[in-house]
Protein backbone atom coordinates (compact mmCIF):
# COMPACT_ATOMS: atom_id res chain seq x y z
CA MET A 1 96.84 90.73 103.80
CA GLU A 2 95.95 91.77 100.28
CA LEU A 3 93.74 94.55 101.64
CA VAL A 4 96.51 95.70 103.99
CA ILE A 5 99.31 95.65 101.43
CA TYR A 6 97.41 97.28 98.59
CA GLY A 7 95.75 99.66 101.04
CA ILE A 8 99.22 100.87 102.04
CA ILE A 9 100.31 101.17 98.39
CA ASN A 10 97.16 103.11 97.47
CA SER A 11 97.55 105.39 100.50
CA VAL A 12 101.17 106.12 99.63
CA SER A 13 100.10 106.91 96.06
CA LEU A 14 97.63 109.46 97.44
CA ILE A 15 100.40 110.99 99.55
CA LEU A 16 102.50 111.43 96.41
CA MET A 17 99.55 112.99 94.56
CA SER A 18 98.61 115.43 97.30
CA ILE A 19 101.68 116.45 99.30
CA GLY A 20 102.81 119.01 96.71
CA PHE A 21 99.38 120.66 96.71
CA ALA A 22 99.36 120.77 100.53
CA LEU A 23 102.90 122.16 100.67
CA ALA A 24 102.25 124.96 98.17
CA TYR A 25 99.03 125.99 99.90
CA GLY A 26 100.52 125.72 103.38
CA VAL A 27 103.23 128.27 102.58
CA SER A 28 101.73 130.57 99.94
CA ARG A 29 98.04 130.16 100.89
CA VAL A 30 97.47 129.92 97.14
CA PRO A 31 95.60 126.76 96.02
CA ASN A 32 97.42 125.56 92.91
CA PHE A 33 94.62 124.07 90.82
CA ALA A 34 97.12 123.40 88.03
CA HIS A 35 98.50 120.58 90.20
CA GLY A 36 97.00 117.73 88.16
CA ALA A 37 98.14 119.32 84.89
CA LEU A 38 101.74 119.50 86.17
CA PHE A 39 101.46 115.80 87.13
CA ILE A 40 100.54 114.82 83.56
CA LEU A 41 102.87 117.33 81.89
CA THR A 42 105.88 115.87 83.70
CA GLY A 43 104.99 112.38 82.48
CA TYR A 44 104.58 113.66 78.92
CA ILE A 45 107.91 115.54 78.96
CA THR A 46 109.60 112.42 80.35
CA TRP A 47 108.07 110.36 77.53
CA ILE A 48 109.41 112.84 74.94
CA PHE A 49 112.92 112.75 76.40
CA LEU A 50 112.82 108.96 76.65
CA TYR A 51 111.36 108.00 73.27
CA GLN A 52 111.85 111.04 71.02
CA ALA A 53 115.24 112.27 72.27
CA GLY A 54 116.52 108.80 73.21
CA LEU A 55 117.85 109.85 76.62
CA PRO A 56 118.42 107.38 79.47
CA TYR A 57 115.41 106.96 81.76
CA ALA A 58 117.07 108.53 84.83
CA LEU A 59 118.29 111.56 82.86
CA ALA A 60 114.86 112.01 81.26
CA VAL A 61 113.24 112.06 84.72
CA ILE A 62 115.77 114.54 86.15
CA LEU A 63 115.44 116.95 83.20
CA SER A 64 111.63 116.73 83.36
CA LEU A 65 111.63 117.62 87.06
CA ILE A 66 113.94 120.58 86.43
CA ILE A 67 111.64 121.87 83.68
CA ILE A 68 108.52 121.43 85.82
CA ALA A 69 110.22 123.27 88.70
CA LEU A 70 110.86 126.23 86.39
CA ILE A 71 107.26 126.09 85.15
CA GLY A 72 106.01 126.12 88.74
CA ALA A 73 108.15 129.16 89.60
CA ALA A 74 106.99 130.94 86.43
CA LEU A 75 103.36 130.11 87.24
CA TYR A 76 103.62 131.95 90.55
CA GLN A 77 105.78 134.87 89.38
CA LEU A 78 103.79 135.61 86.23
CA ILE A 79 100.22 134.82 87.30
CA LEU A 80 99.52 133.80 90.89
CA ILE A 81 101.48 136.65 92.48
CA ARG A 82 99.11 139.12 90.80
CA VAL A 83 95.98 137.57 92.33
CA ARG A 84 97.41 136.49 95.69
CA GLY A 85 95.02 137.31 98.51
CA MET A 86 91.95 137.04 96.27
CA PRO A 87 90.76 133.44 96.84
CA ILE A 88 88.29 133.19 93.95
CA SER A 89 90.76 134.76 91.51
CA GLU A 90 93.51 132.39 92.71
CA ILE A 91 91.35 129.36 92.04
CA ILE A 92 90.16 130.60 88.63
CA ALA A 93 93.66 131.63 87.51
CA SER A 94 95.43 128.41 88.55
CA PHE A 95 92.61 126.17 87.29
CA GLY A 96 92.59 128.10 84.00
CA VAL A 97 96.30 127.45 83.53
CA GLY A 98 95.85 123.77 84.38
CA LEU A 99 92.87 123.48 82.04
CA ALA A 100 94.84 125.10 79.22
CA ILE A 101 97.78 122.71 79.73
CA LEU A 102 95.59 119.60 79.80
CA GLU A 103 93.47 120.56 76.81
CA LEU A 104 96.57 121.52 74.79
CA LEU A 105 97.95 118.07 75.56
CA ARG A 106 94.65 116.52 74.46
CA TRP A 107 94.77 118.56 71.25
CA ALA A 108 98.34 117.32 70.72
CA GLY A 109 97.06 113.72 70.78
CA LEU A 110 97.46 112.72 74.42
CA ARG A 111 94.64 110.20 74.56
CA GLY A 112 94.04 106.45 74.53
CA MET A 113 97.02 104.11 75.02
CA THR A 114 99.44 106.06 72.81
CA TYR A 115 101.73 107.29 75.58
CA MET A 116 103.09 104.99 78.28
CA LEU A 117 106.12 105.08 80.56
CA PRO A 118 107.86 101.77 81.28
CA PRO A 119 108.00 100.53 84.88
CA PHE A 120 111.35 100.88 86.62
CA MET A 121 111.40 97.11 87.22
CA LYS A 122 109.09 94.53 85.64
CA GLU A 123 109.62 91.70 88.12
CA SER A 124 107.37 90.93 91.09
CA LEU A 125 107.81 89.46 94.55
CA ASN A 126 105.55 87.89 97.15
CA ILE A 127 104.88 89.73 100.41
CA ALA A 128 103.02 87.52 102.88
CA GLY A 129 101.72 85.50 99.95
CA VAL A 130 100.53 88.57 98.01
CA PRO A 131 102.20 89.27 94.62
CA VAL A 132 103.49 92.84 94.43
CA SER A 133 105.47 94.34 91.56
CA TYR A 134 108.89 95.79 92.33
CA HIS A 135 107.74 99.09 90.84
CA ARG A 136 105.09 99.43 93.56
CA VAL A 137 107.71 98.66 96.19
CA ILE A 138 109.86 101.42 94.67
CA ILE A 139 106.89 103.80 94.89
CA VAL A 140 106.51 103.14 98.62
CA GLY A 141 110.25 103.50 99.22
CA ALA A 142 110.45 106.71 97.18
CA ALA A 143 107.51 108.19 99.12
CA MET A 144 109.19 107.45 102.45
CA ILE A 145 112.42 109.06 101.23
CA MET A 146 110.48 112.08 99.97
CA LEU A 147 108.70 112.56 103.31
CA PHE A 148 112.02 112.31 105.18
CA PHE A 149 113.57 114.83 102.79
CA LEU A 150 110.70 117.27 103.33
CA TRP A 151 110.94 116.88 107.10
CA TYR A 152 114.72 117.44 107.06
CA PHE A 153 114.43 120.33 104.58
CA THR A 154 111.79 122.16 106.63
CA HIS A 155 113.50 121.58 110.00
CA TYR A 156 117.24 121.84 109.34
CA THR A 157 117.80 124.12 106.33
CA LYS A 158 117.50 127.89 106.17
CA PRO A 159 115.11 127.95 103.15
CA GLY A 160 112.99 125.24 104.76
CA LEU A 161 112.78 127.10 108.06
CA ALA A 162 111.75 130.23 106.14
CA LEU A 163 108.93 128.23 104.53
CA ARG A 164 107.77 127.00 107.94
CA ALA A 165 107.89 130.53 109.31
CA ILE A 166 105.72 131.85 106.48
CA ALA A 167 103.30 128.94 106.90
CA GLN A 168 102.95 129.53 110.66
CA ASN A 169 102.77 133.34 110.77
CA GLU A 170 103.39 135.36 107.63
CA ARG A 171 103.30 138.77 109.33
CA ALA A 172 105.86 137.76 111.96
CA ALA A 173 108.06 136.26 109.24
CA LEU A 174 107.90 139.52 107.27
CA VAL A 175 109.01 141.44 110.37
CA LEU A 176 112.03 139.13 110.60
CA GLY A 177 112.98 139.96 107.01
CA ILE A 178 111.70 136.86 105.21
CA ASP A 179 110.48 137.63 101.69
CA SER A 180 107.03 136.03 101.49
CA ASP A 181 106.86 136.16 97.68
CA ARG A 182 110.24 134.47 97.36
CA ALA A 183 109.17 131.79 99.84
CA ALA A 184 105.87 131.34 97.99
CA THR A 185 107.76 130.98 94.69
CA VAL A 186 109.95 128.26 96.22
CA ALA A 187 106.89 126.54 97.69
CA VAL A 188 104.91 126.51 94.43
CA SER A 189 108.00 125.37 92.52
CA LEU A 190 108.69 122.62 95.04
CA GLY A 191 105.02 121.64 94.95
CA ALA A 192 105.27 121.36 91.15
CA VAL A 193 108.35 119.13 91.51
CA LEU A 194 106.49 116.89 93.97
CA ALA A 195 103.56 116.68 91.54
CA GLY A 196 105.99 115.79 88.76
CA LEU A 197 107.75 113.20 90.91
CA ALA A 198 104.38 111.62 91.62
CA GLY A 199 103.75 111.58 87.88
CA VAL A 200 106.93 109.75 86.90
CA LEU A 201 106.41 107.25 89.74
CA LEU A 202 102.69 106.52 89.25
CA LEU A 203 102.13 106.91 85.49
CA PRO A 204 104.09 103.72 84.61
CA LEU A 205 101.22 101.84 86.30
CA GLY A 206 98.86 103.07 83.56
CA ASN A 207 98.70 105.41 80.59
CA ILE A 208 99.50 109.10 80.26
CA VAL A 209 96.02 110.48 79.63
CA VAL A 210 94.47 113.90 80.19
CA GLU A 211 91.69 112.50 82.38
CA MET A 212 94.26 111.38 84.93
CA GLY A 213 95.21 115.01 85.48
CA TYR A 214 91.68 115.87 86.58
CA GLU A 215 91.54 112.81 88.86
CA VAL A 216 94.83 113.71 90.54
CA LEU A 217 93.58 117.25 91.19
CA VAL A 218 90.36 115.92 92.79
CA PHE A 219 92.29 113.45 94.97
CA ALA A 220 94.79 116.15 96.02
CA ILE A 221 91.93 118.47 97.03
CA ALA A 222 90.13 115.62 98.83
CA VAL A 223 93.21 114.71 100.87
CA SER A 224 94.04 118.34 101.68
CA VAL A 225 90.48 119.19 102.73
CA CYS A 226 90.15 116.06 104.87
CA GLY A 227 93.55 116.50 106.50
CA GLY A 228 93.15 120.25 106.97
CA LEU A 229 94.21 122.80 104.37
CA GLY A 230 97.89 123.58 104.78
CA SER A 231 98.59 120.70 107.18
CA TRP A 232 101.25 118.33 105.83
CA LYS A 233 100.69 115.88 108.69
CA GLY A 234 96.97 115.98 107.99
CA ALA A 235 97.58 115.20 104.32
CA VAL A 236 99.47 112.02 105.27
CA VAL A 237 96.79 110.85 107.72
CA ALA A 238 93.97 111.67 105.31
CA SER A 239 95.77 109.77 102.52
CA PHE A 240 95.70 106.59 104.60
CA LEU A 241 92.06 107.15 105.57
CA ILE A 242 90.94 107.66 101.97
CA GLY A 243 93.39 105.09 100.56
CA PHE A 244 92.13 102.22 102.71
CA ALA A 245 88.51 103.28 102.23
CA GLN A 246 89.00 103.11 98.46
CA ILE A 247 90.61 99.66 98.55
CA ILE A 248 87.84 98.27 100.78
CA THR A 249 85.20 99.81 98.51
CA VAL A 250 86.80 98.42 95.35
CA THR A 251 87.15 94.96 96.92
CA TYR A 252 83.62 94.61 98.24
CA LEU A 253 81.61 96.86 95.90
CA ALA A 254 82.97 97.92 92.50
CA SER A 255 86.03 99.67 91.10
CA HIS A 256 84.15 102.74 89.84
CA TYR A 257 83.16 103.63 93.43
CA HIS A 258 86.76 104.52 94.37
CA PHE A 259 86.18 108.06 93.09
CA VAL A 260 82.86 108.43 94.93
CA VAL A 261 84.26 107.33 98.29
CA ALA A 262 86.82 110.17 98.26
CA LEU A 263 84.05 112.74 97.79
CA LEU A 264 81.91 111.04 100.44
CA ILE A 265 84.73 111.24 102.99
CA ILE A 266 85.12 114.96 102.23
CA ILE A 267 81.43 115.51 103.03
CA ILE A 268 81.61 113.49 106.26
CA VAL A 269 84.75 115.29 107.48
CA LEU A 270 83.38 118.73 106.63
CA ILE A 271 80.16 117.96 108.54
CA THR A 272 81.94 116.62 111.62
CA LYS A 273 85.08 118.82 111.59
CA PRO A 274 84.92 121.70 109.09
CA SER A 275 88.63 122.52 109.35
CA GLY A 276 89.70 118.97 108.53
CA LEU A 277 91.41 116.43 110.76
CA TYR A 278 94.41 118.64 111.62
CA GLY A 279 93.15 122.04 110.55
CA ARG A 280 92.26 124.72 113.11
CA GLN A 281 91.36 127.70 110.95
CA LYS A 282 87.56 127.29 111.24
CA GLU A 283 87.69 126.75 115.02
CA LEU A 284 89.82 129.87 115.48
CA GLU A 285 87.42 131.93 113.35
CA GLU A 286 84.48 130.73 115.43
CA ARG A 287 86.27 131.70 118.67
CA VAL A 288 86.94 135.19 117.35
């Protein structure tokens, strides 16, 4: 039961880390390699509002997410829009921005155990005899709510339907009058908010450190590649595949192998199904 429960928690954590990356790429076809930096930056801004400005925790989180949404929109409008359609330039530009953010935070002193966010609730409960903190239960509940919100947003709202249209067929969406750059701006901004939400939910389990930003980026790429680039459903399935593999590896081997197993799964999936579990781009190219 411990493997099952913590496997679910770890898988849900991977969903939170990766769904924003998958969403932004699925709509804009721009891989946002600043994803991990936005994750850490949100936690740092929340810490400033909470401990320097003395704001209530909930208000600090809300203001941080608003700021990170604006940063995500500015990232696309000022930089990514200029290199859209040039894959190598997109990767270099977004990774350069993320690298600059993380190293500026390191220069500002973001290292060690200096910066920590408090858990939402400190108490624990037993689930089938396994002790689980209430904060981890909140993480699972928040992830379920987030996935429902994304499903409702993309199926029953006009902006969400526009995002789906761009993701499915950009040329047809353009013919119907949908502004692809506006949709891409919304997608990258929403992806930044999802990265920030993951940050404020997961960072209370540890410290706000620069290295975590790089790890989150690697895990987001691993999940997206395994699930199929641009596939939100694939990202969820791949999160559970990698999440349980990591927990089993940590339990029976050693904790430092949890990073290796994610990369190993990427290699296996790319060998057996190059487009990922729910991706079809490679198969369609081969047919053509």
